[in-house]
N, C-alpha and C. Protein backbone atom coordinates (compact mmCIF):
# COMPACT_ATOMS: atom_id res chain seq x y z
N MET A 1 8.54 -2.68 -5.16
CA MET A 1 7.94 -2.74 -3.84
C MET A 1 6.54 -3.31 -3.93
N ALA A 2 6.22 -4.13 -2.99
CA ALA A 2 4.88 -4.68 -2.93
C ALA A 2 3.92 -3.61 -2.43
N LYS A 3 2.71 -3.66 -2.91
CA LYS A 3 1.74 -2.64 -2.55
C LYS A 3 1.33 -2.75 -1.09
N ASN A 4 1.26 -1.60 -0.42
CA ASN A 4 0.79 -1.48 0.95
C ASN A 4 1.70 -2.15 1.98
N THR A 5 2.95 -2.33 1.68
CA THR A 5 3.87 -2.90 2.65
C THR A 5 4.37 -1.81 3.57
N LEU A 6 4.94 -2.21 4.67
CA LEU A 6 5.55 -1.26 5.59
C LEU A 6 6.58 -0.41 4.85
N GLY A 7 7.41 -1.06 4.05
CA GLY A 7 8.43 -0.34 3.30
C GLY A 7 7.87 0.69 2.35
N GLU A 8 6.79 0.33 1.68
CA GLU A 8 6.18 1.28 0.74
C GLU A 8 5.60 2.48 1.48
N ILE A 9 4.99 2.23 2.61
CA ILE A 9 4.41 3.32 3.39
C ILE A 9 5.52 4.24 3.90
N ILE A 10 6.61 3.65 4.40
CA ILE A 10 7.74 4.47 4.86
C ILE A 10 8.32 5.28 3.71
N TYR A 11 8.43 4.64 2.55
CA TYR A 11 8.94 5.34 1.36
C TYR A 11 8.07 6.57 1.05
N HIS A 12 6.77 6.39 1.02
CA HIS A 12 5.87 7.51 0.68
C HIS A 12 5.90 8.59 1.76
N LEU A 13 5.96 8.19 3.03
CA LEU A 13 6.06 9.17 4.11
C LEU A 13 7.38 9.94 4.02
N ARG A 14 8.46 9.23 3.67
CA ARG A 14 9.76 9.90 3.54
C ARG A 14 9.75 10.90 2.41
N LYS A 15 9.18 10.51 1.27
CA LYS A 15 9.10 11.42 0.12
C LYS A 15 8.24 12.63 0.46
N LYS A 16 7.12 12.38 1.14
CA LYS A 16 6.22 13.47 1.54
C LYS A 16 6.92 14.45 2.46
N ALA A 17 7.81 13.93 3.33
CA ALA A 17 8.55 14.78 4.27
C ALA A 17 9.75 15.46 3.60
N GLY A 18 10.06 15.06 2.36
CA GLY A 18 11.17 15.65 1.64
C GLY A 18 12.53 15.21 2.15
N LEU A 19 12.60 14.01 2.70
CA LEU A 19 13.85 13.50 3.25
C LEU A 19 14.50 12.50 2.30
N THR A 20 15.81 12.49 2.32
CA THR A 20 16.56 11.44 1.61
C THR A 20 16.64 10.24 2.55
N GLN A 21 17.05 9.12 2.01
CA GLN A 21 17.26 7.95 2.85
C GLN A 21 18.34 8.24 3.90
N GLU A 22 19.36 8.97 3.51
CA GLU A 22 20.45 9.32 4.43
C GLU A 22 19.93 10.19 5.56
N ALA A 23 19.11 11.19 5.25
CA ALA A 23 18.58 12.09 6.27
C ALA A 23 17.65 11.34 7.22
N LEU A 24 16.84 10.45 6.68
CA LEU A 24 15.94 9.67 7.53
C LEU A 24 16.73 8.75 8.46
N ALA A 25 17.78 8.15 7.94
CA ALA A 25 18.56 7.18 8.70
C ALA A 25 19.50 7.81 9.73
N ASP A 26 19.87 9.07 9.56
CA ASP A 26 20.89 9.72 10.36
C ASP A 26 20.70 9.51 11.86
N GLY A 27 21.66 8.81 12.48
CA GLY A 27 21.64 8.56 13.91
C GLY A 27 20.71 7.44 14.36
N ILE A 28 19.99 6.84 13.40
CA ILE A 28 19.04 5.77 13.74
C ILE A 28 19.54 4.43 13.22
N CYS A 29 19.88 4.40 11.96
CA CYS A 29 20.37 3.19 11.30
C CYS A 29 21.13 3.63 10.06
N SER A 30 21.55 2.71 9.25
CA SER A 30 22.27 3.09 8.02
C SER A 30 21.27 3.39 6.91
N SER A 31 21.72 4.17 5.94
CA SER A 31 20.86 4.46 4.79
C SER A 31 20.61 3.18 3.99
N VAL A 32 21.55 2.25 4.04
CA VAL A 32 21.36 0.94 3.39
C VAL A 32 20.19 0.22 4.05
N SER A 33 20.10 0.31 5.38
CA SER A 33 18.97 -0.32 6.08
C SER A 33 17.64 0.31 5.66
N VAL A 34 17.61 1.63 5.54
CA VAL A 34 16.39 2.31 5.09
C VAL A 34 16.01 1.81 3.70
N SER A 35 16.98 1.71 2.82
CA SER A 35 16.73 1.21 1.48
C SER A 35 16.16 -0.21 1.52
N ARG A 36 16.76 -1.05 2.32
CA ARG A 36 16.28 -2.44 2.43
C ARG A 36 14.87 -2.51 3.03
N ILE A 37 14.60 -1.66 4.02
CA ILE A 37 13.27 -1.61 4.62
C ILE A 37 12.24 -1.19 3.57
N GLU A 38 12.56 -0.13 2.84
CA GLU A 38 11.63 0.38 1.82
C GLU A 38 11.39 -0.64 0.71
N ASN A 39 12.39 -1.45 0.41
CA ASN A 39 12.25 -2.46 -0.65
C ASN A 39 11.72 -3.79 -0.15
N GLY A 40 11.42 -3.87 1.15
CA GLY A 40 10.86 -5.09 1.71
C GLY A 40 11.87 -6.19 1.95
N ASN A 41 13.15 -5.84 1.95
CA ASN A 41 14.19 -6.84 2.15
C ASN A 41 14.68 -6.92 3.59
N GLN A 42 14.20 -6.02 4.44
CA GLN A 42 14.62 -6.01 5.84
C GLN A 42 13.45 -5.50 6.69
N MET A 43 13.29 -6.07 7.85
CA MET A 43 12.27 -5.62 8.79
C MET A 43 12.98 -4.89 9.93
N PRO A 44 12.58 -3.65 10.21
CA PRO A 44 13.26 -2.92 11.28
C PRO A 44 12.85 -3.44 12.65
N SER A 45 13.74 -3.26 13.62
CA SER A 45 13.37 -3.59 14.99
C SER A 45 12.31 -2.59 15.45
N GLY A 46 11.64 -2.90 16.51
CA GLY A 46 10.62 -1.99 17.03
C GLY A 46 11.18 -0.62 17.36
N LYS A 47 12.37 -0.61 17.95
CA LYS A 47 13.01 0.66 18.33
C LYS A 47 13.36 1.49 17.10
N VAL A 48 13.94 0.84 16.10
CA VAL A 48 14.31 1.55 14.86
C VAL A 48 13.05 2.07 14.17
N LEU A 49 12.02 1.25 14.08
CA LEU A 49 10.78 1.67 13.44
C LEU A 49 10.18 2.88 14.17
N GLU A 50 10.18 2.82 15.48
CA GLU A 50 9.64 3.93 16.27
C GLU A 50 10.41 5.23 16.00
N GLN A 51 11.74 5.13 15.93
CA GLN A 51 12.57 6.32 15.68
C GLN A 51 12.37 6.85 14.26
N LEU A 52 12.26 5.95 13.29
CA LEU A 52 12.03 6.38 11.90
C LEU A 52 10.68 7.08 11.78
N LEU A 53 9.67 6.50 12.40
CA LEU A 53 8.33 7.11 12.34
C LEU A 53 8.31 8.47 13.03
N GLU A 54 9.03 8.57 14.14
CA GLU A 54 9.10 9.86 14.84
C GLU A 54 9.73 10.92 13.94
N ARG A 55 10.81 10.54 13.26
CA ARG A 55 11.47 11.48 12.35
C ARG A 55 10.55 11.85 11.19
N LEU A 56 9.69 10.93 10.80
CA LEU A 56 8.74 11.19 9.71
C LEU A 56 7.51 11.95 10.20
N GLY A 57 7.47 12.22 11.50
CA GLY A 57 6.35 13.00 12.05
C GLY A 57 5.09 12.19 12.23
N THR A 58 5.23 10.90 12.43
CA THR A 58 4.08 10.04 12.60
C THR A 58 4.38 9.00 13.67
N GLY A 59 3.44 8.14 13.93
CA GLY A 59 3.63 7.09 14.91
C GLY A 59 3.00 5.80 14.45
N ALA A 60 3.06 4.81 15.31
CA ALA A 60 2.53 3.49 14.95
C ALA A 60 1.04 3.56 14.66
N TYR A 61 0.28 4.36 15.44
CA TYR A 61 -1.16 4.47 15.21
C TYR A 61 -1.45 5.01 13.82
N GLN A 62 -0.76 6.09 13.45
CA GLN A 62 -0.97 6.67 12.12
C GLN A 62 -0.53 5.72 11.02
N LEU A 63 0.55 4.97 11.28
CA LEU A 63 1.02 3.98 10.30
C LEU A 63 -0.05 2.93 10.06
N CYS A 64 -0.64 2.44 11.15
CA CYS A 64 -1.71 1.45 11.02
C CYS A 64 -2.91 2.05 10.30
N ASN A 65 -3.20 3.31 10.56
CA ASN A 65 -4.32 3.98 9.90
C ASN A 65 -4.06 4.12 8.40
N VAL A 66 -2.83 4.47 8.02
CA VAL A 66 -2.47 4.56 6.60
C VAL A 66 -2.64 3.20 5.94
N TYR A 67 -2.15 2.16 6.60
CA TYR A 67 -2.27 0.81 6.06
C TYR A 67 -3.75 0.43 5.90
N TYR A 68 -4.55 0.72 6.93
CA TYR A 68 -5.97 0.40 6.89
C TYR A 68 -6.66 1.15 5.75
N GLU A 69 -6.35 2.44 5.60
CA GLU A 69 -6.95 3.22 4.51
C GLU A 69 -6.55 2.66 3.15
N ASN A 70 -5.28 2.25 3.02
CA ASN A 70 -4.82 1.65 1.76
C ASN A 70 -5.56 0.35 1.46
N GLU A 71 -5.75 -0.46 2.50
CA GLU A 71 -6.48 -1.72 2.33
C GLU A 71 -7.93 -1.45 1.94
N CYS A 72 -8.54 -0.47 2.56
CA CYS A 72 -9.93 -0.11 2.22
C CYS A 72 -10.02 0.39 0.78
N GLN A 73 -9.05 1.21 0.37
CA GLN A 73 -9.03 1.72 -0.99
C GLN A 73 -8.87 0.58 -1.99
N ALA A 74 -7.99 -0.36 -1.69
CA ALA A 74 -7.77 -1.51 -2.59
C ALA A 74 -9.03 -2.36 -2.69
N ALA A 75 -9.71 -2.57 -1.57
CA ALA A 75 -10.95 -3.35 -1.58
C ALA A 75 -12.02 -2.64 -2.38
N LEU A 76 -12.10 -1.33 -2.24
CA LEU A 76 -13.08 -0.55 -3.00
C LEU A 76 -12.79 -0.62 -4.50
N GLN A 77 -11.51 -0.54 -4.87
CA GLN A 77 -11.15 -0.64 -6.29
C GLN A 77 -11.53 -2.00 -6.85
N GLN A 78 -11.33 -3.06 -6.08
CA GLN A 78 -11.72 -4.39 -6.54
C GLN A 78 -13.22 -4.48 -6.72
N LEU A 79 -13.96 -3.89 -5.80
CA LEU A 79 -15.41 -3.89 -5.90
C LEU A 79 -15.87 -3.13 -7.13
N VAL A 80 -15.27 -1.99 -7.39
CA VAL A 80 -15.62 -1.19 -8.57
C VAL A 80 -15.31 -1.97 -9.84
N LEU A 81 -14.16 -2.63 -9.89
CA LEU A 81 -13.80 -3.41 -11.07
C LEU A 81 -14.82 -4.52 -11.32
N ARG A 82 -15.30 -5.13 -10.25
CA ARG A 82 -16.27 -6.21 -10.40
C ARG A 82 -17.64 -5.69 -10.83
N THR A 83 -17.96 -4.45 -10.46
CA THR A 83 -19.29 -3.94 -10.78
C THR A 83 -19.33 -3.09 -12.04
N GLU A 84 -18.16 -2.72 -12.59
CA GLU A 84 -18.15 -1.94 -13.83
C GLU A 84 -18.79 -2.73 -14.97
N ASN A 85 -18.56 -4.01 -14.99
CA ASN A 85 -19.14 -4.87 -16.00
C ASN A 85 -19.68 -6.11 -15.30
N PRO A 86 -20.82 -5.96 -14.61
CA PRO A 86 -21.33 -7.08 -13.81
C PRO A 86 -21.70 -8.31 -14.63
N CYS A 87 -21.88 -8.16 -15.91
CA CYS A 87 -22.28 -9.30 -16.74
C CYS A 87 -21.11 -9.93 -17.48
N ALA A 88 -19.91 -9.52 -17.16
CA ALA A 88 -18.74 -10.01 -17.89
C ALA A 88 -18.65 -11.53 -17.89
N ASN A 89 -18.96 -12.18 -16.78
CA ASN A 89 -18.84 -13.63 -16.70
C ASN A 89 -20.19 -14.32 -16.60
N ILE A 90 -21.25 -13.61 -16.92
CA ILE A 90 -22.58 -14.19 -16.76
C ILE A 90 -22.82 -15.35 -17.72
N SER A 91 -22.12 -15.36 -18.85
CA SER A 91 -22.33 -16.42 -19.83
C SER A 91 -21.95 -17.79 -19.27
N VAL A 92 -21.09 -17.82 -18.28
CA VAL A 92 -20.71 -19.09 -17.66
C VAL A 92 -21.93 -19.72 -16.99
N TYR A 93 -22.74 -18.87 -16.35
CA TYR A 93 -23.89 -19.36 -15.60
C TYR A 93 -25.20 -19.34 -16.40
N PHE A 94 -25.32 -18.35 -17.28
CA PHE A 94 -26.53 -18.20 -18.08
C PHE A 94 -26.15 -17.92 -19.53
N PRO A 95 -25.79 -18.95 -20.28
CA PRO A 95 -25.30 -18.74 -21.64
C PRO A 95 -26.29 -18.00 -22.54
N ASP A 96 -27.58 -18.16 -22.32
CA ASP A 96 -28.57 -17.50 -23.17
C ASP A 96 -28.63 -16.00 -22.93
N CYS A 97 -28.17 -15.53 -21.80
CA CYS A 97 -28.24 -14.11 -21.46
C CYS A 97 -27.24 -13.25 -22.20
N THR A 98 -26.34 -13.86 -22.92
CA THR A 98 -25.33 -13.08 -23.64
C THR A 98 -25.73 -12.84 -25.09
N SER A 99 -26.90 -13.28 -25.44
CA SER A 99 -27.33 -13.06 -26.82
C SER A 99 -27.68 -11.59 -27.02
N PRO A 100 -27.63 -11.11 -28.25
CA PRO A 100 -27.86 -9.69 -28.56
C PRO A 100 -29.20 -9.17 -28.06
N GLU A 101 -30.23 -10.02 -27.99
CA GLU A 101 -31.53 -9.53 -27.55
C GLU A 101 -31.53 -9.06 -26.10
N TYR A 102 -30.55 -9.48 -25.29
CA TYR A 102 -30.47 -9.05 -23.89
C TYR A 102 -29.54 -7.86 -23.70
N SER A 103 -28.90 -7.41 -24.75
CA SER A 103 -27.98 -6.28 -24.64
C SER A 103 -28.76 -5.01 -24.41
N THR A 104 -28.12 -4.08 -23.70
CA THR A 104 -28.78 -2.78 -23.46
C THR A 104 -28.28 -1.76 -24.41
């Protein structure tokens, strides 16, 4: 599954709710459709998505909020990775700054 996709979010919400794919799909769509949605191979219709989210105890607003929080977390992780070693690529721009005398 791709990170932060609709399918991944539905998968995590389903697991959190303790539902199987069959239980989530019951009366809404097939369990095969739920599997395809979670794996990013199928996009649910608006009606099906609304019903799945209702069964998961959430709605479109909360889904968007989860996605937004995931995006913010991913951006923060990228920022942290870039600042953990801010001088990692400094030699490209300032080759003399990588000499031992500049080490801390």
